[in-house]
């Protein structure tokens, strides 16, 4: 059960091309947004699709896969952990929740 602590599993589509940054130390980080959809019927019988957006960050060797094979619209399954952080912008504290990627599975058709 220890693997269930702070574990997130999602299937969705990339909302943008992955952005790869290289830091002064030479370490790389990739980030992208992931859209997940939930479809249901409301009380009037109308089909409703609810889209949630998730920020994903990638470190280490998985950056090569993300950089070379993923693009906007790619369908993936991922497993990771939630990271909460804060920063200051224009004198105001901002808070963000991200998913730090541990495992990645590419879904859908080959391009």
C-alpha atoms as a PDB file:
ATOM      1  CA  UNK A   1       0.000   0.000   0.000  1.00  0.00           C
ATOM      2  CA  UNK A   2       2.963   2.372   0.314  1.00  0.00           C
ATOM      3  CA  UNK A   3       2.923   2.818  -3.484  1.00  0.00           C
ATOM      4  CA  UNK A   4      -0.557   4.335  -3.205  1.00  0.00           C
ATOM      5  CA  UNK A   5       0.711   7.325  -1.256  1.00  0.00           C
ATOM      6  CA  UNK A   6       0.673  10.457  -3.379  1.00  0.00           C
ATOM      7  CA  UNK A   7       0.052   8.539  -6.603  1.00  0.00           C
ATOM      8  CA  UNK A   8      -1.793   9.933  -9.629  1.00  0.00           C
ATOM      9  CA  UNK A   9      -2.788   8.002 -12.752  1.00  0.00           C
ATOM     10  CA  UNK A  10      -4.329   9.795 -15.717  1.00  0.00           C
ATOM     11  CA  UNK A  11      -5.169   9.204 -19.369  1.00  0.00           C
ATOM     12  CA  UNK A  12      -5.473  12.291 -21.518  1.00  0.00           C
ATOM     13  CA  UNK A  13      -4.183  14.372 -24.408  1.00  0.00           C
ATOM     14  CA  UNK A  14      -1.416  16.959 -24.463  1.00  0.00           C
ATOM     15  CA  UNK A  15      -2.753  20.495 -24.669  1.00  0.00           C
ATOM     16  CA  UNK A  16       0.506  21.873 -26.028  1.00  0.00           C
ATOM     17  CA  UNK A  17       3.862  20.736 -27.378  1.00  0.00           C
ATOM     18  CA  UNK A  18       6.228  19.863 -24.520  1.00  0.00           C
ATOM     19  CA  UNK A  19       8.490  22.721 -23.471  1.00  0.00           C
ATOM     20  CA  UNK A  20      12.031  21.639 -22.599  1.00  0.00           C
ATOM     21  CA  UNK A  21      14.265  23.909 -20.503  1.00  0.00           C
ATOM     22  CA  UNK A  22      17.963  23.445 -19.790  1.00  0.00           C
ATOM     23  CA  UNK A  23      19.319  24.951 -16.573  1.00  0.00           C
ATOM     24  CA  UNK A  24      22.802  26.377 -15.996  1.00  0.00           C
ATOM     25  CA  UNK A  25      23.791  23.117 -14.272  1.00  0.00           C
ATOM     26  CA  UNK A  26      22.981  21.227 -17.500  1.00  0.00           C
ATOM     27  CA  UNK A  27      19.932  19.559 -15.937  1.00  0.00           C
ATOM     28  CA  UNK A  28      16.832  19.471 -18.156  1.00  0.00           C
ATOM     29  CA  UNK A  29      13.140  19.727 -17.332  1.00  0.00           C
ATOM     30  CA  UNK A  30      10.157  19.275 -19.649  1.00  0.00           C
ATOM     31  CA  UNK A  31       6.630  20.500 -18.995  1.00  0.00           C
ATOM     32  CA  UNK A  32       3.271  20.263 -20.729  1.00  0.00           C
ATOM     33  CA  UNK A  33      -0.436  20.453 -19.979  1.00  0.00           C
ATOM     34  CA  UNK A  34      -2.649  17.371 -20.063  1.00  0.00           C
ATOM     35  CA  UNK A  35      -6.415  17.458 -20.685  1.00  0.00           C
ATOM     36  CA  UNK A  36      -8.655  14.770 -19.203  1.00  0.00           C
ATOM     37  CA  UNK A  37     -12.320  14.509 -20.194  1.00  0.00           C
ATOM     38  CA  UNK A  38     -15.319  13.177 -18.317  1.00  0.00           C
ATOM     39  CA  UNK A  39     -18.572  12.736 -20.230  1.00  0.00           C
ATOM     40  CA  UNK A  40     -21.970  12.389 -18.590  1.00  0.00           C
ATOM     41  CA  UNK A  41     -25.639  13.174 -19.182  1.00  0.00           C
ATOM     42  CA  UNK A  42     -27.245  15.953 -17.155  1.00  0.00           C
ATOM     43  CA  UNK A  43     -30.797  15.970 -15.765  1.00  0.00           C
ATOM     44  CA  UNK A  44     -32.153  17.195 -19.118  1.00  0.00           C
ATOM     45  CA  UNK A  45     -30.596  14.234 -20.944  1.00  0.00           C
ATOM     46  CA  UNK A  46     -27.979  16.402 -22.667  1.00  0.00           C
ATOM     47  CA  UNK A  47     -24.479  15.045 -23.087  1.00  0.00           C
ATOM     48  CA  UNK A  48     -21.952  17.128 -21.145  1.00  0.00           C
ATOM     49  CA  UNK A  49     -18.159  16.888 -21.411  1.00  0.00           C
ATOM     50  CA  UNK A  50     -16.140  18.254 -18.511  1.00  0.00           C
ATOM     51  CA  UNK A  51     -12.446  18.899 -19.247  1.00  0.00           C
ATOM     52  CA  UNK A  52      -9.840  19.206 -16.491  1.00  0.00           C
ATOM     53  CA  UNK A  53      -6.342  20.541 -17.169  1.00  0.00           C
ATOM     54  CA  UNK A  54      -3.254  19.237 -15.379  1.00  0.00           C
ATOM     55  CA  UNK A  55       0.305  20.610 -15.373  1.00  0.00           C
ATOM     56  CA  UNK A  56       2.922  17.874 -15.848  1.00  0.00           C
ATOM     57  CA  UNK A  57       6.678  18.172 -15.243  1.00  0.00           C
ATOM     58  CA  UNK A  58       9.293  15.638 -16.385  1.00  0.00           C
ATOM     59  CA  UNK A  59      12.847  15.139 -15.118  1.00  0.00           C
ATOM     60  CA  UNK A  60      15.611  12.693 -16.022  1.00  0.00           C
ATOM     61  CA  UNK A  61      15.790  10.241 -18.912  1.00  0.00           C
ATOM     62  CA  UNK A  62      12.087  10.400 -19.741  1.00  0.00           C
ATOM     63  CA  UNK A  63      12.681  13.863 -21.206  1.00  0.00           C
ATOM     64  CA  UNK A  64      14.137  12.239 -24.339  1.00  0.00           C
ATOM     65  CA  UNK A  65      10.878  10.354 -24.980  1.00  0.00           C
ATOM     66  CA  UNK A  66       8.759  13.424 -24.260  1.00  0.00           C
ATOM     67  CA  UNK A  67      10.926  15.668 -26.434  1.00  0.00           C
ATOM     68  CA  UNK A  68      11.152  13.290 -29.415  1.00  0.00           C
ATOM     69  CA  UNK A  69       7.757  11.572 -29.520  1.00  0.00           C
ATOM     70  CA  UNK A  70       5.084  13.710 -27.859  1.00  0.00           C
ATOM     71  CA  UNK A  71       3.321  16.713 -29.352  1.00  0.00           C
ATOM     72  CA  UNK A  72       0.083  18.622 -28.922  1.00  0.00           C
ATOM     73  CA  UNK A  73      -2.841  16.168 -29.140  1.00  0.00           C
ATOM     74  CA  UNK A  74      -0.798  13.036 -28.295  1.00  0.00           C
ATOM     75  CA  UNK A  75      -2.761  10.613 -26.119  1.00  0.00           C
ATOM     76  CA  UNK A  76      -0.863   9.249 -23.131  1.00  0.00           C
ATOM     77  CA  UNK A  77      -1.339   7.382 -19.870  1.00  0.00           C
ATOM     78  CA  UNK A  78       0.826   8.564 -17.003  1.00  0.00           C
ATOM     79  CA  UNK A  79       1.617   7.796 -13.408  1.00  0.00           C
ATOM     80  CA  UNK A  80       3.206  10.355 -11.142  1.00  0.00           C
ATOM     81  CA  UNK A  81       2.961  12.231  -7.891  1.00  0.00           C
ATOM     82  CA  UNK A  82       1.411  15.559  -6.932  1.00  0.00           C
ATOM     83  CA  UNK A  83       3.744  18.441  -6.186  1.00  0.00           C
ATOM     84  CA  UNK A  84       2.435  21.663  -4.615  1.00  0.00           C
ATOM     85  CA  UNK A  85       4.641  24.730  -4.790  1.00  0.00           C
ATOM     86  CA  UNK A  86       4.362  28.473  -4.472  1.00  0.00           C
ATOM     87  CA  UNK A  87       6.149  31.455  -5.977  1.00  0.00           C
ATOM     88  CA  UNK A  88       5.859  35.211  -5.921  1.00  0.00           C
ATOM     89  CA  UNK A  89       4.855  37.202  -9.005  1.00  0.00           C
ATOM     90  CA  UNK A  90       4.320  40.954  -9.010  1.00  0.00           C
ATOM     91  CA  UNK A  91       4.328  40.969  -5.205  1.00  0.00           C
ATOM     92  CA  UNK A  92       1.557  38.366  -5.024  1.00  0.00           C
ATOM     93  CA  UNK A  93       1.933  34.766  -3.850  1.00  0.00           C
ATOM     94  CA  UNK A  94       0.902  32.211  -6.468  1.00  0.00           C
ATOM     95  CA  UNK A  95       0.221  28.540  -5.815  1.00  0.00           C
ATOM     96  CA  UNK A  96       0.429  25.723  -8.347  1.00  0.00           C
ATOM     97  CA  UNK A  97      -0.146  21.969  -8.312  1.00  0.00           C
ATOM     98  CA  UNK A  98       1.841  19.861 -10.773  1.00  0.00           C
ATOM     99  CA  UNK A  99       2.234  16.182 -11.539  1.00  0.00           C
ATOM    100  CA  UNK A 100       5.819  14.935 -11.476  1.00  0.00           C
ATOM    101  CA  UNK A 101       5.935  12.158 -14.089  1.00  0.00           C
ATOM    102  CA  UNK A 102       7.206   8.718 -13.031  1.00  0.00           C
ATOM    103  CA  UNK A 103       5.837   6.418 -15.776  1.00  0.00           C
ATOM    104  CA  UNK A 104       4.606   7.163 -19.292  1.00  0.00           C
ATOM    105  CA  UNK A 105       2.709   5.068 -21.828  1.00  0.00           C
ATOM    106  CA  UNK A 106       2.019   6.435 -25.303  1.00  0.00           C
ATOM    107  CA  UNK A 107      -1.462   5.551 -26.573  1.00  0.00           C
ATOM    108  CA  UNK A 108      -3.200   6.024 -29.907  1.00  0.00           C
ATOM    109  CA  UNK A 109      -1.926   5.664 -33.429  1.00  0.00           C
ATOM    110  CA  UNK A 110       1.662   6.105 -34.597  1.00  0.00           C
ATOM    111  CA  UNK A 111       2.254   9.267 -36.590  1.00  0.00           C
END
